[in-house]
Amino acid sequence: GRHGFGSASCEEDACDDKADGFHCKDDSVVQCAGLKTVNVTKCHFYEDCERDRLQLNMASCVEDVCKRKADGMYCEDDHVVECRGLRTVSATKCGVTEECKKHALGRNMAACVEDDCRTKADGSYCKHDGVVECRGQVSVGFSKCPFYQECAQHFQAGSHAAACQEDACEDKADGWHCKGD
């Protein structure tokens, strides 16, 4: 149908043209009944939605990440995924100050590695939209800045210092504004 100026509608249903059963929609399994969506299950990051090749109107979340990988540890979507026998046996999310490094511990041996402070003198630094505290070239603390603040870095009295500072309304007239405008 048509809608008037300034209105919005979300009328489309993933099951508009689907028989009763389970179907794939992007990275989710959608259960349909009577041309309506009755349930949606989002697949995990290491899974894909796949139609069953033998059974009509059947789909499910199926492991995908390790399907074609040798045993080992791999980086996938900020996680270290352990593959054994072409199956995912574990997944560990890297911390906010860590990155997944492909061959950190050897061939096919990924690991979450924190390297923000590896080359830094003691002090605090702006990283990951927050303040990382470094001591002895190791991260010893982290605090995320609120959405309306930004991290500002200074060098004072021979040491590195960083802090979250409000800036969202700097140079703005009174009223509501989108951050980033």
C-alpha atoms as a PDB file:
ATOM      1  CA  GLY A   1       0.000   0.000   0.000  1.00  0.00           C
ATOM      2  CA  ARG A   2       0.873   3.667  -0.220  1.00  0.00           C
ATOM      3  CA  HIS A   3       1.718   5.796   2.779  1.00  0.00           C
ATOM      4  CA  GLY A   4       1.438   9.523   3.258  1.00  0.00           C
ATOM      5  CA  PHE A   5       4.376  11.885   3.334  1.00  0.00           C
ATOM      6  CA  GLY A   6       6.482  11.505   6.485  1.00  0.00           C
ATOM      7  CA  SER A   7       5.258   8.059   7.466  1.00  0.00           C
ATOM      8  CA  ALA A   8       7.183   4.818   7.607  1.00  0.00           C
ATOM      9  CA  SER A   9       6.156   1.202   7.505  1.00  0.00           C
ATOM     10  CA  CYS A  10       7.844  -2.176   7.838  1.00  0.00           C
ATOM     11  CA  GLU A  11       5.266  -4.307   6.053  1.00  0.00           C
ATOM     12  CA  GLU A  12       7.542  -6.741   4.223  1.00  0.00           C
ATOM     13  CA  ASP A  13       7.636 -10.151   5.872  1.00  0.00           C
ATOM     14  CA  ALA A  14      10.420 -12.667   5.184  1.00  0.00           C
ATOM     15  CA  CYS A  15       7.704 -15.312   4.762  1.00  0.00           C
ATOM     16  CA  ASP A  16       5.489 -13.411   2.249  1.00  0.00           C
ATOM     17  CA  ASP A  17       6.237 -15.968  -0.467  1.00  0.00           C
ATOM     18  CA  LYS A  18       7.413 -18.967   1.582  1.00  0.00           C
ATOM     19  CA  ALA A  19       5.747 -22.279   2.415  1.00  0.00           C
ATOM     20  CA  ASP A  20       5.384 -23.305   6.056  1.00  0.00           C
ATOM     21  CA  GLY A  21       8.748 -24.449   7.437  1.00  0.00           C
ATOM     22  CA  PHE A  22      12.252 -23.139   8.045  1.00  0.00           C
ATOM     23  CA  HIS A  23      14.022 -20.864   5.535  1.00  0.00           C
ATOM     24  CA  CYS A  24      17.237 -18.809   5.319  1.00  0.00           C
ATOM     25  CA  LYS A  25      17.153 -15.013   5.404  1.00  0.00           C
ATOM     26  CA  ASP A  26      20.694 -13.566   5.411  1.00  0.00           C
ATOM     27  CA  ASP A  27      22.443 -15.111   8.461  1.00  0.00           C
ATOM     28  CA  SER A  28      19.225 -16.202  10.218  1.00  0.00           C
ATOM     29  CA  VAL A  29      16.812 -19.140  10.167  1.00  0.00           C
ATOM     30  CA  VAL A  30      13.233 -17.910   9.720  1.00  0.00           C
ATOM     31  CA  GLN A  31      10.290 -20.110  10.699  1.00  0.00           C
ATOM     32  CA  CYS A  32       7.252 -19.491   8.513  1.00  0.00           C
ATOM     33  CA  ALA A  33       3.604 -20.408   9.089  1.00  0.00           C
ATOM     34  CA  GLY A  34       0.678 -19.092   7.048  1.00  0.00           C
ATOM     35  CA  LEU A  35       2.937 -16.716   5.046  1.00  0.00           C
ATOM     36  CA  LYS A  36       3.994 -14.985   8.307  1.00  0.00           C
ATOM     37  CA  THR A  37       7.254 -15.064  10.285  1.00  0.00           C
ATOM     38  CA  VAL A  38       6.680 -16.848  13.600  1.00  0.00           C
ATOM     39  CA  ASN A  39      10.301 -17.143  14.775  1.00  0.00           C
ATOM     40  CA  VAL A  40      13.790 -15.926  13.800  1.00  0.00           C
ATOM     41  CA  THR A  41      17.036 -17.504  15.008  1.00  0.00           C
ATOM     42  CA  LYS A  42      20.237 -15.581  14.245  1.00  0.00           C
ATOM     43  CA  CYS A  43      23.161 -17.889  13.491  1.00  0.00           C
ATOM     44  CA  HIS A  44      26.391 -17.534  15.519  1.00  0.00           C
ATOM     45  CA  PHE A  45      29.271 -15.698  13.823  1.00  0.00           C
ATOM     46  CA  TYR A  46      30.922 -19.047  12.991  1.00  0.00           C
ATOM     47  CA  GLU A  47      27.774 -20.458  11.339  1.00  0.00           C
ATOM     48  CA  ASP A  48      25.869 -19.926   8.100  1.00  0.00           C
ATOM     49  CA  CYS A  49      22.212 -20.562   7.386  1.00  0.00           C
ATOM     50  CA  GLU A  50      21.942 -23.494   4.960  1.00  0.00           C
ATOM     51  CA  ARG A  51      18.953 -25.108   3.284  1.00  0.00           C
ATOM     52  CA  ASP A  52      18.615 -28.839   3.850  1.00  0.00           C
ATOM     53  CA  ARG A  53      19.256 -30.493   0.479  1.00  0.00           C
ATOM     54  CA  LEU A  54      17.150 -33.562   1.295  1.00  0.00           C
ATOM     55  CA  GLN A  55      14.216 -32.146   3.219  1.00  0.00           C
ATOM     56  CA  LEU A  56      11.898 -29.547   1.666  1.00  0.00           C
ATOM     57  CA  ASN A  57      11.327 -26.276   3.600  1.00  0.00           C
ATOM     58  CA  MET A  58      14.026 -27.061   6.153  1.00  0.00           C
ATOM     59  CA  ALA A  59      17.027 -24.884   7.034  1.00  0.00           C
ATOM     60  CA  SER A  60      19.389 -24.598   9.983  1.00  0.00           C
ATOM     61  CA  CYS A  61      22.505 -22.858  11.261  1.00  0.00           C
ATOM     62  CA  VAL A  62      25.495 -24.930  10.201  1.00  0.00           C
ATOM     63  CA  GLU A  63      29.118 -24.591  11.257  1.00  0.00           C
ATOM     64  CA  ASP A  64      31.118 -23.002   8.529  1.00  0.00           C
ATOM     65  CA  VAL A  65      34.367 -21.550   9.860  1.00  0.00           C
ATOM     66  CA  CYS A  66      36.209 -24.845  10.331  1.00  0.00           C
ATOM     67  CA  LYS A  67      34.618 -26.742   7.440  1.00  0.00           C
ATOM     68  CA  ARG A  68      37.734 -26.460   5.259  1.00  0.00           C
ATOM     69  CA  LYS A  69      40.475 -25.816   7.831  1.00  0.00           C
ATOM     70  CA  ALA A  70      43.209 -27.989   9.267  1.00  0.00           C
ATOM     71  CA  ASP A  71      43.289 -28.456  13.029  1.00  0.00           C
ATOM     72  CA  GLY A  72      44.483 -25.307  14.740  1.00  0.00           C
ATOM     73  CA  MET A  73      43.485 -21.861  15.973  1.00  0.00           C
ATOM     74  CA  TYR A  74      42.161 -19.217  13.555  1.00  0.00           C
ATOM     75  CA  CYS A  75      41.008 -15.580  13.680  1.00  0.00           C
ATOM     76  CA  GLU A  76      37.343 -15.019  12.899  1.00  0.00           C
ATOM     77  CA  ASP A  77      35.374 -11.848  13.658  1.00  0.00           C
ATOM     78  CA  ASP A  78      37.544 -10.751  16.669  1.00  0.00           C
ATOM     79  CA  HIS A  79      37.494 -14.320  18.052  1.00  0.00           C
ATOM     80  CA  VAL A  80      40.088 -17.072  18.238  1.00  0.00           C
ATOM     81  CA  VAL A  81      38.339 -20.167  16.904  1.00  0.00           C
ATOM     82  CA  GLU A  82      39.766 -23.615  17.608  1.00  0.00           C
ATOM     83  CA  CYS A  83      39.214 -26.143  14.806  1.00  0.00           C
ATOM     84  CA  ARG A  84      39.553 -29.874  15.279  1.00  0.00           C
ATOM     85  CA  GLY A  85      38.365 -32.510  12.816  1.00  0.00           C
ATOM     86  CA  LEU A  86      36.803 -29.824  10.551  1.00  0.00           C
ATOM     87  CA  ARG A  87      34.561 -28.661  13.441  1.00  0.00           C
ATOM     88  CA  THR A  88      34.591 -25.640  15.758  1.00  0.00           C
ATOM     89  CA  VAL A  89      35.422 -26.846  19.277  1.00  0.00           C
ATOM     90  CA  SER A  90      35.780 -23.436  20.963  1.00  0.00           C
ATOM     91  CA  ALA A  91      35.664 -19.709  20.300  1.00  0.00           C
ATOM     92  CA  THR A  92      37.192 -17.012  22.513  1.00  0.00           C
ATOM     93  CA  LYS A  93      36.389 -13.325  21.989  1.00  0.00           C
ATOM     94  CA  CYS A  94      39.430 -11.059  22.155  1.00  0.00           C
ATOM     95  CA  GLY A  95      39.329  -8.261  24.721  1.00  0.00           C
ATOM     96  CA  VAL A  96      38.731  -4.645  23.759  1.00  0.00           C
ATOM     97  CA  THR A  97      42.480  -3.868  23.851  1.00  0.00           C
ATOM     98  CA  GLU A  98      43.434  -7.075  22.002  1.00  0.00           C
ATOM     99  CA  GLU A  99      43.604  -8.120  18.368  1.00  0.00           C
ATOM    100  CA  CYS A 100      43.463 -11.596  16.916  1.00  0.00           C
ATOM    101  CA  LYS A 101      46.844 -12.335  15.305  1.00  0.00           C
ATOM    102  CA  LYS A 102      46.894 -15.105  12.706  1.00  0.00           C
ATOM    103  CA  HIS A 103      50.164 -16.899  13.466  1.00  0.00           C
ATOM    104  CA  ALA A 104      50.931 -15.457  16.928  1.00  0.00           C
ATOM    105  CA  LEU A 105      52.005 -18.816  18.371  1.00  0.00           C
ATOM    106  CA  GLY A 106      53.113 -20.566  15.150  1.00  0.00           C
ATOM    107  CA  ARG A 107      51.496 -21.893  11.980  1.00  0.00           C
ATOM    108  CA  ASN A 108      47.681 -22.138  12.358  1.00  0.00           C
ATOM    109  CA  MET A 109      48.033 -20.952  15.961  1.00  0.00           C
ATOM    110  CA  ALA A 110      46.152 -17.657  16.300  1.00  0.00           C
ATOM    111  CA  ALA A 111      45.922 -15.852  19.620  1.00  0.00           C
ATOM    112  CA  CYS A 112      44.462 -12.700  21.129  1.00  0.00           C
ATOM    113  CA  VAL A 113      47.410 -10.350  21.470  1.00  0.00           C
ATOM    114  CA  GLU A 114      47.518  -7.025  23.268  1.00  0.00           C
ATOM    115  CA  ASP A 115      50.149  -4.851  21.702  1.00  0.00           C
ATOM    116  CA  ASP A 116      48.979  -1.321  22.573  1.00  0.00           C
ATOM    117  CA  CYS A 117      51.803  -0.854  25.092  1.00  0.00           C
ATOM    118  CA  ARG A 118      54.542  -3.006  23.568  1.00  0.00           C
ATOM    119  CA  THR A 119      56.490   0.028  22.305  1.00  0.00           C
ATOM    120  CA  LYS A 120      55.155   2.676  24.699  1.00  0.00           C
ATOM    121  CA  ALA A 121      56.737   4.423  27.671  1.00  0.00           C
ATOM    122  CA  ASP A 122      54.828   4.344  30.959  1.00  0.00           C
ATOM    123  CA  GLY A 123      51.757   6.581  30.897  1.00  0.00           C
ATOM    124  CA  SER A 124      48.268   6.723  29.419  1.00  0.00           C
ATOM    125  CA  TYR A 125      47.392   6.734  25.723  1.00  0.00           C
ATOM    126  CA  CYS A 126      44.302   7.085  23.513  1.00  0.00           C
ATOM    127  CA  LYS A 127      43.289   3.745  21.941  1.00  0.00           C
ATOM    128  CA  HIS A 128      40.023   1.920  21.173  1.00  0.00           C
ATOM    129  CA  ASP A 129      37.905   5.049  21.889  1.00  0.00           C
ATOM    130  CA  GLY A 130      39.258   5.163  25.436  1.00  0.00           C
ATOM    131  CA  VAL A 131      42.326   5.486  27.651  1.00  0.00           C
ATOM    132  CA  VAL A 132      44.897   2.667  27.901  1.00  0.00           C
ATOM    133  CA  GLU A 133      47.268   2.761  30.899  1.00  0.00           C
ATOM    134  CA  CYS A 134      50.759   1.394  30.116  1.00  0.00           C
ATOM    135  CA  ARG A 135      53.359   0.285  32.635  1.00  0.00           C
ATOM    136  CA  GLY A 136      56.488  -1.710  31.774  1.00  0.00           C
ATOM    137  CA  GLN A 137      55.303  -2.002  28.124  1.00  0.00           C
ATOM    138  CA  VAL A 138      52.171  -3.911  29.238  1.00  0.00           C
ATOM    139  CA  SER A 139      48.583  -2.700  29.417  1.00  0.00           C
ATOM    140  CA  VAL A 140      47.534  -2.440  33.079  1.00  0.00           C
ATOM    141  CA  GLY A 141      44.207  -0.677  32.641  1.00  0.00           C
ATOM    142  CA  PHE A 142      41.597   0.529  30.179  1.00  0.00           C
ATOM    143  CA  SER A 143      38.615   2.853  30.441  1.00  0.00           C
ATOM    144  CA  LYS A 144      36.250   3.510  27.531  1.00  0.00           C
ATOM    145  CA  CYS A 145      35.180   7.114  26.931  1.00  0.00           C
ATOM    146  CA  PRO A 146      31.410   7.759  27.021  1.00  0.00           C
ATOM    147  CA  PHE A 147      29.878   8.390  23.576  1.00  0.00           C
ATOM    148  CA  TYR A 148      29.791  12.175  24.126  1.00  0.00           C
ATOM    149  CA  GLN A 149      33.498  12.389  24.972  1.00  0.00           C
ATOM    150  CA  GLU A 150      36.720  11.884  23.054  1.00  0.00           C
ATOM    151  CA  CYS A 151      40.136  10.846  24.264  1.00  0.00           C
ATOM    152  CA  ALA A 152      42.692  13.660  24.316  1.00  0.00           C
ATOM    153  CA  GLN A 153      46.412  12.972  24.706  1.00  0.00           C
ATOM    154  CA  HIS A 154      48.973  15.321  26.307  1.00  0.00           C
ATOM    155  CA  PHE A 155      52.650  15.189  27.066  1.00  0.00           C
ATOM    156  CA  GLN A 156      53.262  16.943  30.364  1.00  0.00           C
ATOM    157  CA  ALA A 157      56.146  16.966  32.822  1.00  0.00           C
ATOM    158  CA  GLY A 158      57.975  14.293  30.828  1.00  0.00           C
ATOM    159  CA  SER A 159      55.142  11.745  30.857  1.00  0.00           C
ATOM    160  CA  HIS A 160      52.325  10.698  28.547  1.00  0.00           C
ATOM    161  CA  ALA A 161      48.824  11.473  29.802  1.00  0.00           C
ATOM    162  CA  ALA A 162      45.446  10.866  28.197  1.00  0.00           C
ATOM    163  CA  ALA A 163      41.925  11.563  29.411  1.00  0.00           C
ATOM    164  CA  CYS A 164      38.345  11.475  28.175  1.00  0.00           C
ATOM    165  CA  GLN A 165      37.109  15.013  27.567  1.00  0.00           C
ATOM    166  CA  GLU A 166      33.691  16.282  26.590  1.00  0.00           C
ATOM    167  CA  ASP A 167      33.631  17.660  23.085  1.00  0.00           C
ATOM    168  CA  ALA A 168      30.271  16.753  21.593  1.00  0.00           C
ATOM    169  CA  CYS A 169      28.846  20.242  22.091  1.00  0.00           C
ATOM    170  CA  GLU A 170      31.985  22.251  21.410  1.00  0.00           C
ATOM    171  CA  ASP A 171      31.214  25.007  18.884  1.00  0.00           C
ATOM    172  CA  LYS A 172      27.535  24.003  18.732  1.00  0.00           C
ATOM    173  CA  ALA A 173      24.459  26.173  19.191  1.00  0.00           C
ATOM    174  CA  ASP A 174      22.006  25.105  21.883  1.00  0.00           C
ATOM    175  CA  GLY A 175      19.746  22.234  20.776  1.00  0.00           C
ATOM    176  CA  TRP A 176      19.943  18.615  19.647  1.00  0.00           C
ATOM    177  CA  HIS A 177      22.701  17.558  17.251  1.00  0.00           C
ATOM    178  CA  CYS A 178      23.921  14.272  15.829  1.00  0.00           C
ATOM    179  CA  LYS A 179      27.397  13.378  17.094  1.00  0.00           C
ATOM    180  CA  GLY A 180      29.716  13.621  14.129  1.00  0.00           C
ATOM    181  CA  ASP A 181      27.893  16.610  12.594  1.00  0.00           C
END
